[in-house]
Amino acid sequence: MKLTKISNRDDRDKEKLRPKHIREIYRGILQDMYSKLDYLNDLALLEAVLIRDEYYDSKDSFASMGLRYGFIQLSVRQNNGTNYYRYYKKNSRSSKDRLWLKPNKRLGQTTEKTFTKHSVHKDEVHNCKITEDEFIRLRKQDRLTRETMRRIRELKIMEGVKFEAETNSTTAGEENE
């Protein structure tokens, strides 16, 4: 029987129900939604890793075309539940010495101009643009997912509920050396 029919009737279907029971059901559903949103967030990270792998496969094919490998690298990681998709260029032989390519703050993305400035050839720029288009979509999706998770956590009915700790930091094999 639909819940709206029960709520509109005055009979025994409602006799044993109390607001506390309804709140417990509601809280359980919200916790389930939160878990599924967290899973979606992890799936977005996995998709970004696969996109990154395609980026490097494409870079590997540059040699067969007689082109240099290129300088621009990708970093895909998750920190405290937030996914990051960034570009960098190595400054020296040290793997720790990196020049992070800053996205345009107004646009919220890394621009073709930035890629052109740091790339070896136009095919590397094209490869970066294709990858950035995918990352733009993932960033928007991530923002919506994380915002919804935050709103669920902030609901008064969710006070006292323990959510999974989001203190993990995952670097998803960020460089292909």
N, C-alpha and C. Protein backbone atom coordinates (compact mmCIF):
# COMPACT_ATOMS: atom_id res chain seq x y z
N MET A 1 0.84 -1.17 0.00
CA MET A 1 0.00 0.00 0.00
C MET A 1 0.89 1.24 0.00
N LYS A 2 0.52 2.22 -0.79
CA LYS A 2 1.30 3.46 -0.84
C LYS A 2 1.21 4.21 0.47
N LEU A 3 2.31 4.85 0.82
CA LEU A 3 2.34 5.59 2.09
C LEU A 3 1.36 6.75 2.10
N THR A 4 1.14 7.37 0.95
CA THR A 4 0.18 8.49 0.92
C THR A 4 -1.22 8.01 1.24
N LYS A 5 -1.57 6.79 0.83
CA LYS A 5 -2.89 6.26 1.15
C LYS A 5 -3.01 6.00 2.65
N ILE A 6 -1.94 5.49 3.23
CA ILE A 6 -1.95 5.23 4.68
C ILE A 6 -2.09 6.55 5.44
N SER A 7 -1.34 7.57 5.00
CA SER A 7 -1.37 8.83 5.74
C SER A 7 -2.71 9.55 5.61
N ASN A 8 -3.45 9.30 4.56
CA ASN A 8 -4.74 9.95 4.36
C ASN A 8 -5.89 9.19 5.00
N ARG A 9 -5.62 7.99 5.49
CA ARG A 9 -6.68 7.19 6.09
C ARG A 9 -6.61 7.25 7.61
N ASP A 10 -7.71 6.94 8.21
CA ASP A 10 -7.78 6.91 9.67
C ASP A 10 -8.14 5.49 10.08
N ASP A 11 -7.15 4.61 10.05
CA ASP A 11 -7.44 3.22 10.39
C ASP A 11 -6.27 2.57 11.12
N ARG A 12 -6.34 1.25 11.20
CA ARG A 12 -5.36 0.49 11.98
C ARG A 12 -3.97 0.47 11.34
N ASP A 13 -3.86 0.82 10.06
CA ASP A 13 -2.54 0.83 9.42
C ASP A 13 -1.60 1.80 10.12
N LYS A 14 -2.17 2.82 10.71
CA LYS A 14 -1.35 3.85 11.36
C LYS A 14 -1.22 3.66 12.86
N GLU A 15 -2.00 2.75 13.43
CA GLU A 15 -2.06 2.63 14.89
C GLU A 15 -0.70 2.42 15.55
N LYS A 16 0.13 1.56 14.96
CA LYS A 16 1.40 1.21 15.60
C LYS A 16 2.55 2.12 15.17
N LEU A 17 2.30 2.97 14.23
CA LEU A 17 3.37 3.86 13.75
C LEU A 17 3.53 5.07 14.66
N ARG A 18 4.77 5.45 14.86
CA ARG A 18 5.09 6.64 15.62
C ARG A 18 6.05 7.48 14.79
N PRO A 19 6.06 8.79 15.01
CA PRO A 19 6.99 9.65 14.26
C PRO A 19 8.44 9.18 14.37
N LYS A 20 8.80 8.63 15.52
CA LYS A 20 10.17 8.13 15.73
C LYS A 20 10.50 7.04 14.70
N HIS A 21 9.55 6.15 14.45
CA HIS A 21 9.77 5.07 13.48
C HIS A 21 9.99 5.63 12.07
N ILE A 22 9.20 6.62 11.73
CA ILE A 22 9.32 7.23 10.40
C ILE A 22 10.69 7.91 10.26
N ARG A 23 11.11 8.60 11.32
CA ARG A 23 12.42 9.27 11.29
C ARG A 23 13.55 8.26 11.15
N GLU A 24 13.43 7.10 11.79
CA GLU A 24 14.46 6.06 11.68
C GLU A 24 14.53 5.53 10.24
N ILE A 25 13.39 5.32 9.64
CA ILE A 25 13.36 4.86 8.24
C ILE A 25 13.97 5.92 7.34
N TYR A 26 13.58 7.15 7.55
CA TYR A 26 14.08 8.27 6.75
C TYR A 26 15.60 8.38 6.88
N ARG A 27 16.09 8.28 8.13
CA ARG A 27 17.53 8.36 8.39
C ARG A 27 18.26 7.21 7.68
N GLY A 28 17.70 6.03 7.73
CA GLY A 28 18.31 4.87 7.06
C GLY A 28 18.41 5.06 5.56
N ILE A 29 17.35 5.61 4.97
CA ILE A 29 17.35 5.86 3.53
C ILE A 29 18.40 6.91 3.18
N LEU A 30 18.50 7.96 3.99
CA LEU A 30 19.51 9.00 3.74
C LEU A 30 20.93 8.44 3.88
N GLN A 31 21.15 7.56 4.86
CA GLN A 31 22.47 6.94 5.00
C GLN A 31 22.79 6.09 3.78
N ASP A 32 21.81 5.38 3.27
CA ASP A 32 22.00 4.57 2.07
C ASP A 32 22.32 5.46 0.87
N MET A 33 21.59 6.57 0.75
CA MET A 33 21.86 7.52 -0.34
C MET A 33 23.28 8.06 -0.23
N TYR A 34 23.69 8.39 0.99
CA TYR A 34 25.03 8.93 1.23
C TYR A 34 26.10 7.92 0.79
N SER A 35 25.89 6.66 1.16
CA SER A 35 26.84 5.61 0.77
C SER A 35 26.92 5.47 -0.74
N LYS A 36 25.78 5.55 -1.40
CA LYS A 36 25.77 5.44 -2.87
C LYS A 36 26.43 6.65 -3.52
N LEU A 37 26.24 7.82 -2.96
CA LEU A 37 26.91 9.01 -3.48
C LEU A 37 28.43 8.90 -3.29
N ASP A 38 28.85 8.36 -2.15
CA ASP A 38 30.27 8.15 -1.91
C ASP A 38 30.84 7.17 -2.94
N TYR A 39 30.06 6.15 -3.26
CA TYR A 39 30.47 5.18 -4.28
C TYR A 39 30.57 5.86 -5.65
N LEU A 40 29.62 6.73 -5.97
CA LEU A 40 29.68 7.49 -7.22
C LEU A 40 30.94 8.34 -7.29
N ASN A 41 31.30 8.93 -6.17
CA ASN A 41 32.51 9.74 -6.10
C ASN A 41 33.75 8.89 -6.42
N ASP A 42 33.79 7.68 -5.87
CA ASP A 42 34.91 6.77 -6.15
C ASP A 42 34.89 6.31 -7.61
N LEU A 43 33.70 6.11 -8.16
CA LEU A 43 33.61 5.74 -9.58
C LEU A 43 34.14 6.85 -10.48
N ALA A 44 33.89 8.09 -10.10
CA ALA A 44 34.41 9.23 -10.87
C ALA A 44 35.93 9.22 -10.85
N LEU A 45 36.51 8.89 -9.70
CA LEU A 45 37.97 8.79 -9.62
C LEU A 45 38.48 7.69 -10.53
N LEU A 46 37.82 6.55 -10.51
CA LEU A 46 38.21 5.44 -11.38
C LEU A 46 38.12 5.84 -12.85
N GLU A 47 37.04 6.52 -13.22
CA GLU A 47 36.89 6.99 -14.60
C GLU A 47 38.04 7.94 -14.96
N ALA A 48 38.40 8.81 -14.04
CA ALA A 48 39.50 9.75 -14.29
C ALA A 48 40.83 9.01 -14.48
N VAL A 49 41.04 7.94 -13.72
CA VAL A 49 42.26 7.14 -13.88
C VAL A 49 42.29 6.52 -15.27
N LEU A 50 41.16 6.02 -15.73
CA LEU A 50 41.09 5.42 -17.07
C LEU A 50 41.31 6.47 -18.15
N ILE A 51 40.77 7.66 -17.95
CA ILE A 51 41.00 8.76 -18.90
C ILE A 51 42.47 9.13 -18.91
N ARG A 52 43.07 9.18 -17.72
CA ARG A 52 44.50 9.47 -17.64
C ARG A 52 45.33 8.42 -18.38
N ASP A 53 44.95 7.15 -18.22
CA ASP A 53 45.66 6.08 -18.91
C ASP A 53 45.55 6.23 -20.43
N GLU A 54 44.36 6.62 -20.90
CA GLU A 54 44.19 6.88 -22.34
C GLU A 54 45.06 8.04 -22.80
N TYR A 55 45.19 9.05 -21.95
CA TYR A 55 46.04 10.19 -22.25
C TYR A 55 47.48 9.73 -22.47
N TYR A 56 47.98 8.89 -21.56
CA TYR A 56 49.35 8.40 -21.68
C TYR A 56 49.51 7.44 -22.86
N ASP A 57 48.49 6.64 -23.16
CA ASP A 57 48.54 5.77 -24.35
C ASP A 57 48.68 6.62 -25.60
N SER A 58 47.94 7.71 -25.64
CA SER A 58 48.02 8.62 -26.78
C SER A 58 49.40 9.25 -26.87
N LYS A 59 49.96 9.63 -25.72
CA LYS A 59 51.31 10.21 -25.71
C LYS A 59 52.34 9.18 -26.19
N ASP A 60 52.13 7.91 -25.82
CA ASP A 60 53.05 6.85 -26.27
C ASP A 60 53.04 6.71 -27.79
N SER A 61 51.91 7.02 -28.41
CA SER A 61 51.81 6.89 -29.87
C SER A 61 52.51 8.04 -30.61
N PHE A 62 52.90 9.09 -29.90
CA PHE A 62 53.60 10.20 -30.55
C PHE A 62 54.89 9.74 -31.22
N ALA A 63 55.60 8.81 -30.60
CA ALA A 63 56.88 8.34 -31.15
C ALA A 63 56.68 7.69 -32.51
N SER A 64 55.58 6.96 -32.69
CA SER A 64 55.33 6.31 -33.99
C SER A 64 55.05 7.33 -35.08
N MET A 65 54.67 8.55 -34.67
CA MET A 65 54.42 9.62 -35.63
C MET A 65 55.66 10.51 -35.79
N GLY A 66 56.76 10.12 -35.12
CA GLY A 66 57.99 10.89 -35.22
C GLY A 66 57.99 12.14 -34.35
N LEU A 67 57.13 12.17 -33.33
CA LEU A 67 57.04 13.33 -32.43
C LEU A 67 57.63 13.00 -31.07
N ARG A 68 58.00 14.03 -30.34
CA ARG A 68 58.50 13.85 -28.98
C ARG A 68 57.35 13.51 -28.03
N TYR A 69 57.70 12.86 -26.93
CA TYR A 69 56.71 12.41 -25.95
C TYR A 69 55.93 13.56 -25.35
N GLY A 70 56.57 14.66 -25.08
CA GLY A 70 55.89 15.82 -24.50
C GLY A 70 56.21 15.99 -23.03
N PHE A 71 55.83 17.15 -22.50
CA PHE A 71 56.18 17.51 -21.13
C PHE A 71 55.02 17.43 -20.15
N ILE A 72 53.81 17.60 -20.61
CA ILE A 72 52.66 17.73 -19.70
C ILE A 72 52.25 16.36 -19.17
N GLN A 73 52.17 16.27 -17.84
CA GLN A 73 51.78 15.05 -17.14
C GLN A 73 50.45 15.29 -16.42
N LEU A 74 49.82 14.20 -15.99
CA LEU A 74 48.54 14.30 -15.28
C LEU A 74 48.65 13.75 -13.87
N SER A 75 47.91 14.36 -12.97
CA SER A 75 47.78 13.86 -11.61
C SER A 75 46.29 13.65 -11.34
N VAL A 76 45.94 12.44 -10.93
CA VAL A 76 44.56 12.11 -10.56
C VAL A 76 44.63 11.55 -9.15
N ARG A 77 43.95 12.20 -8.21
CA ARG A 77 43.99 11.72 -6.84
C ARG A 77 42.73 12.12 -6.08
N GLN A 78 42.58 11.49 -4.92
CA GLN A 78 41.46 11.81 -4.03
C GLN A 78 42.04 12.13 -2.66
N ASN A 79 41.60 13.24 -2.09
CA ASN A 79 42.05 13.64 -0.76
C ASN A 79 40.84 14.08 0.05
N ASN A 80 40.64 13.46 1.19
CA ASN A 80 39.48 13.76 2.04
C ASN A 80 38.17 13.68 1.27
N GLY A 81 38.08 12.73 0.36
CA GLY A 81 36.85 12.52 -0.40
C GLY A 81 36.69 13.40 -1.62
N THR A 82 37.60 14.35 -1.82
CA THR A 82 37.52 15.25 -2.97
C THR A 82 38.47 14.76 -4.06
N ASN A 83 37.96 14.68 -5.28
CA ASN A 83 38.77 14.24 -6.41
C ASN A 83 39.47 15.44 -7.04
N TYR A 84 40.73 15.24 -7.40
CA TYR A 84 41.52 16.28 -8.05
C TYR A 84 42.06 15.74 -9.36
N TYR A 85 41.90 16.53 -10.42
CA TYR A 85 42.42 16.18 -11.74
C TYR A 85 43.26 17.36 -12.20
N ARG A 86 44.58 17.19 -12.19
CA ARG A 86 45.46 18.33 -12.45
C ARG A 86 46.57 17.96 -13.44
N TYR A 87 47.15 19.00 -14.00
CA TYR A 87 48.25 18.86 -14.95
C TYR A 87 49.52 19.43 -14.33
N TYR A 88 50.64 18.85 -14.69
CA TYR A 88 51.91 19.39 -14.22
C TYR A 88 52.99 19.13 -15.26
N LYS A 89 54.07 19.84 -15.07
CA LYS A 89 55.24 19.69 -15.93
C LYS A 89 56.43 19.51 -14.99
N LYS A 90 57.25 18.51 -15.25
CA LYS A 90 58.42 18.29 -14.41
C LYS A 90 59.42 19.40 -14.65
N ASN A 91 59.98 19.93 -13.57
CA ASN A 91 60.97 21.00 -13.68
C ASN A 91 62.38 20.46 -13.85
N SER A 92 62.64 19.28 -13.30
CA SER A 92 63.99 18.72 -13.38
C SER A 92 63.88 17.21 -13.38
N ARG A 93 64.95 16.55 -13.14
CA ARG A 93 64.96 15.07 -13.11
C ARG A 93 64.26 14.52 -11.87
N SER A 94 64.13 15.32 -10.85
CA SER A 94 63.48 14.88 -9.61
C SER A 94 61.97 14.75 -9.84
N SER A 95 61.42 13.63 -9.38
CA SER A 95 59.97 13.42 -9.54
C SER A 95 59.16 14.34 -8.63
N LYS A 96 59.79 14.92 -7.62
CA LYS A 96 59.08 15.81 -6.68
C LYS A 96 59.05 17.25 -7.17
N ASP A 97 59.92 17.60 -8.09
CA ASP A 97 60.03 18.98 -8.56
C ASP A 97 59.08 19.20 -9.73
N ARG A 98 57.92 19.79 -9.44
CA ARG A 98 56.87 19.93 -10.46
C ARG A 98 56.40 21.37 -10.57
N LEU A 99 56.04 21.73 -11.77
CA LEU A 99 55.39 23.01 -12.03
C LEU A 99 53.92 22.68 -12.32
N TRP A 100 53.05 22.99 -11.38
CA TRP A 100 51.63 22.70 -11.56
C TRP A 100 51.03 23.73 -12.51
N LEU A 101 50.32 23.26 -13.52
CA LEU A 101 49.67 24.16 -14.46
C LEU A 101 48.38 24.64 -13.82
N LYS A 102 48.28 25.93 -13.62
CA LYS A 102 47.12 26.49 -12.92
C LYS A 102 45.96 26.68 -13.88
N PRO A 103 44.78 26.24 -13.47
CA PRO A 103 43.60 26.49 -14.30
C PRO A 103 43.20 27.96 -14.25
N ASN A 104 42.52 28.40 -15.26
CA ASN A 104 41.97 29.75 -15.30
C ASN A 104 40.87 29.82 -14.24
N LYS A 105 41.02 30.71 -13.26
CA LYS A 105 40.05 30.77 -12.15
C LYS A 105 38.66 31.14 -12.63
N ARG A 106 38.58 32.06 -13.57
CA ARG A 106 37.27 32.51 -14.05
C ARG A 106 36.55 31.39 -14.79
N LEU A 107 37.28 30.64 -15.59
CA LEU A 107 36.67 29.56 -16.37
C LEU A 107 36.59 28.25 -15.59
N GLY A 108 37.45 28.10 -14.59
CA GLY A 108 37.45 26.87 -13.81
C GLY A 108 38.03 25.68 -14.55
N GLN A 109 38.92 25.95 -15.48
CA GLN A 109 39.52 24.87 -16.26
C GLN A 109 40.88 25.32 -16.77
N THR A 110 41.68 24.36 -17.18
CA THR A 110 42.97 24.67 -17.78
C THR A 110 42.73 24.99 -19.25
N THR A 111 43.29 26.07 -19.72
CA THR A 111 42.98 26.57 -21.06
C THR A 111 43.99 26.08 -22.10
N GLU A 112 43.57 26.20 -23.34
CA GLU A 112 44.43 25.84 -24.47
C GLU A 112 45.71 26.68 -24.45
N LYS A 113 45.59 27.93 -24.06
CA LYS A 113 46.75 28.83 -24.00
C LYS A 113 47.79 28.28 -23.02
N THR A 114 47.34 27.80 -21.87
CA THR A 114 48.26 27.22 -20.88
C THR A 114 48.92 25.96 -21.43
N PHE A 115 48.11 25.11 -22.07
CA PHE A 115 48.67 23.89 -22.65
C PHE A 115 49.71 24.22 -23.72
N THR A 116 49.40 25.19 -24.58
CA THR A 116 50.30 25.58 -25.66
C THR A 116 51.62 26.10 -25.10
N LYS A 117 51.55 26.86 -24.04
CA LYS A 117 52.75 27.43 -23.42
C LYS A 117 53.71 26.35 -22.91
N HIS A 118 53.18 25.23 -22.44
CA HIS A 118 54.00 24.21 -21.79
C HIS A 118 54.19 22.94 -22.63
N SER A 119 53.63 22.89 -23.81
CA SER A 119 53.71 21.65 -24.60
C SER A 119 54.86 21.69 -25.59
N VAL A 120 55.13 20.53 -26.18
CA VAL A 120 56.19 20.39 -27.17
C VAL A 120 55.65 20.60 -28.58
N HIS A 121 54.42 20.16 -28.83
CA HIS A 121 53.84 20.26 -30.17
C HIS A 121 52.32 20.30 -30.07
N LYS A 122 51.67 20.61 -31.19
CA LYS A 122 50.22 20.80 -31.20
C LYS A 122 49.45 19.51 -30.90
N ASP A 123 50.03 18.35 -31.20
CA ASP A 123 49.34 17.10 -30.89
C ASP A 123 49.24 16.88 -29.38
N GLU A 124 50.25 17.33 -28.65
CA GLU A 124 50.18 17.24 -27.20
C GLU A 124 49.09 18.18 -26.67
N VAL A 125 48.99 19.37 -27.24
CA VAL A 125 47.95 20.32 -26.86
C VAL A 125 46.57 19.72 -27.13
N HIS A 126 46.40 19.12 -28.30
CA HIS A 126 45.12 18.50 -28.66
C HIS A 126 44.77 17.38 -27.68
N ASN A 127 45.74 16.57 -27.33
CA ASN A 127 45.54 15.48 -26.37
C ASN A 127 45.11 16.04 -25.02
N CYS A 128 45.74 17.12 -24.58
CA CYS A 128 45.38 17.77 -23.31
C CYS A 128 43.96 18.34 -23.36
N LYS A 129 43.59 18.95 -24.48
CA LYS A 129 42.24 19.54 -24.61
C LYS A 129 41.17 18.46 -24.53
N ILE A 130 41.40 17.33 -25.19
CA ILE A 130 40.43 16.23 -25.14
C ILE A 130 40.28 15.73 -23.70
N THR A 131 41.41 15.58 -23.02
CA THR A 131 41.40 15.11 -21.64
C THR A 131 40.72 16.14 -20.73
N GLU A 132 41.02 17.41 -20.93
CA GLU A 132 40.42 18.46 -20.10
C GLU A 132 38.90 18.51 -20.28
N ASP A 133 38.40 18.27 -21.49
CA ASP A 133 36.95 18.22 -21.71
C ASP A 133 36.31 17.15 -20.83
N GLU A 134 36.95 16.00 -20.73
CA GLU A 134 36.44 14.93 -19.87
C GLU A 134 36.53 15.34 -18.39
N PHE A 135 37.64 15.96 -18.01
CA PHE A 135 37.82 16.38 -16.63
C PHE A 135 36.83 17.47 -16.23
N ILE A 136 36.47 18.35 -17.16
CA ILE A 136 35.47 19.39 -16.87
C ILE A 136 34.15 18.72 -16.48
N ARG A 137 33.75 17.73 -17.25
CA ARG A 137 32.52 16.99 -16.97
C ARG A 137 32.61 16.31 -15.59
N LEU A 138 33.74 15.67 -15.33
CA LEU A 138 33.91 14.99 -14.04
C LEU A 138 33.92 15.97 -12.87
N ARG A 139 34.54 17.12 -13.04
CA ARG A 139 34.57 18.12 -11.96
C ARG A 139 33.15 18.60 -11.63
N LYS A 140 32.34 18.85 -12.65
CA LYS A 140 30.95 19.28 -12.41
C LYS A 140 30.17 18.19 -11.69
N GLN A 141 30.34 16.97 -12.16
CA GLN A 141 29.67 15.83 -11.54
C GLN A 141 30.12 15.68 -10.09
N ASP A 142 31.42 15.81 -9.84
CA ASP A 142 31.96 15.70 -8.48
C ASP A 142 31.40 16.78 -7.57
N ARG A 143 31.32 18.01 -8.07
CA ARG A 143 30.78 19.11 -7.25
C ARG A 143 29.35 18.81 -6.81
N LEU A 144 28.53 18.33 -7.74
CA LEU A 144 27.15 18.01 -7.41
C LEU A 144 27.09 16.87 -6.39
N THR A 145 27.88 15.84 -6.59
CA THR A 145 27.91 14.70 -5.68
C THR A 145 28.34 15.13 -4.28
N ARG A 146 29.44 15.87 -4.20
CA ARG A 146 29.96 16.30 -2.90
C ARG A 146 29.00 17.27 -2.20
N GLU A 147 28.38 18.15 -2.97
CA GLU A 147 27.41 19.09 -2.40
C GLU A 147 26.22 18.33 -1.81
N THR A 148 25.73 17.33 -2.52
CA THR A 148 24.60 16.54 -2.03
C THR A 148 24.99 15.78 -0.77
N MET A 149 26.20 15.22 -0.76
CA MET A 149 26.67 14.52 0.44
C MET A 149 26.76 15.48 1.63
N ARG A 150 27.27 16.67 1.39
CA ARG A 150 27.38 17.66 2.46
C ARG A 150 25.99 18.03 3.00
N ARG A 151 25.04 18.21 2.09
CA ARG A 151 23.69 18.59 2.52
C ARG A 151 23.04 17.48 3.34
N ILE A 152 23.28 16.23 2.97
CA ILE A 152 22.75 15.12 3.76
C ILE A 152 23.36 15.13 5.16
N ARG A 153 24.68 15.33 5.25
CA ARG A 153 25.35 15.37 6.56
C ARG A 153 24.81 16.49 7.44
N GLU A 154 24.42 17.61 6.83
CA GLU A 154 23.99 18.78 7.59
C GLU A 154 22.52 18.74 8.01
N LEU A 155 21.75 17.78 7.54
CA LEU A 155 20.34 17.71 7.92
C LEU A 155 20.22 17.46 9.43
N LYS A 156 19.27 18.14 10.04
CA LYS A 156 19.06 18.01 11.49
C LYS A 156 18.75 16.56 11.86
N ILE A 157 18.02 15.88 11.03
CA ILE A 157 17.65 14.49 11.32
C ILE A 157 18.88 13.57 11.34
N MET A 158 19.98 14.03 10.74
CA MET A 158 21.20 13.21 10.66
C MET A 158 22.18 13.51 11.80
N GLU A 159 21.78 14.36 12.74
CA GLU A 159 22.65 14.66 13.88
C GLU A 159 22.94 13.37 14.64
N GLY A 160 24.20 13.18 14.98
CA GLY A 160 24.61 11.99 15.73
C GLY A 160 24.91 10.79 14.86
N VAL A 161 24.61 10.86 13.58
CA VAL A 161 24.90 9.75 12.68
C VAL A 161 26.38 9.80 12.32
N LYS A 162 27.04 8.65 12.41
CA LYS A 162 28.46 8.57 12.04
C LYS A 162 28.55 8.25 10.55
N PHE A 163 29.23 9.13 9.84
CA PHE A 163 29.48 8.90 8.43
C PHE A 163 30.88 8.34 8.29
N GLU A 164 31.10 7.59 7.21
CA GLU A 164 32.44 7.04 6.98
C GLU A 164 33.44 8.17 6.98
N ALA A 165 34.56 7.94 7.63
CA ALA A 165 35.62 8.96 7.68
C ALA A 165 36.16 9.20 6.29
N GLU A 166 36.26 10.45 5.92
CA GLU A 166 36.75 10.81 4.60
C GLU A 166 38.14 11.42 4.73
N THR A 167 38.98 10.74 5.48
CA THR A 167 40.32 11.28 5.69
C THR A 167 41.37 10.56 4.86
N ASN A 168 40.90 9.68 3.98
CA ASN A 168 41.87 8.97 3.16
C ASN A 168 42.41 9.86 2.05
N SER A 169 43.64 9.60 1.69
CA SER A 169 44.25 10.30 0.57
C SER A 169 44.74 9.25 -0.39
N THR A 170 44.22 9.26 -1.58
CA THR A 170 44.57 8.26 -2.57
C THR A 170 45.18 8.94 -3.78
N THR A 171 46.40 8.53 -4.08
CA THR A 171 47.01 8.99 -5.32
C THR A 171 46.91 7.83 -6.28
N ALA A 172 46.22 8.03 -7.34
CA ALA A 172 45.94 6.96 -8.28
C ALA A 172 47.03 6.88 -9.34
N GLY A 173 48.22 6.41 -8.96
CA GLY A 173 49.31 6.22 -9.90
C GLY A 173 49.48 7.40 -10.82
N GLU A 174 49.77 8.55 -10.26
CA GLU A 174 49.64 9.79 -11.00
C GLU A 174 50.66 10.01 -12.10
N GLU A 175 51.70 9.25 -12.15
CA GLU A 175 52.64 9.52 -13.22
C GLU A 175 53.02 8.24 -13.94
N ASN A 176 53.35 8.37 -15.16
CA ASN A 176 53.71 7.26 -16.02
C ASN A 176 55.17 7.41 -16.38
N GLU A 177 56.04 6.82 -15.55
CA GLU A 177 57.48 7.01 -15.78
C GLU A 177 58.11 5.72 -16.21
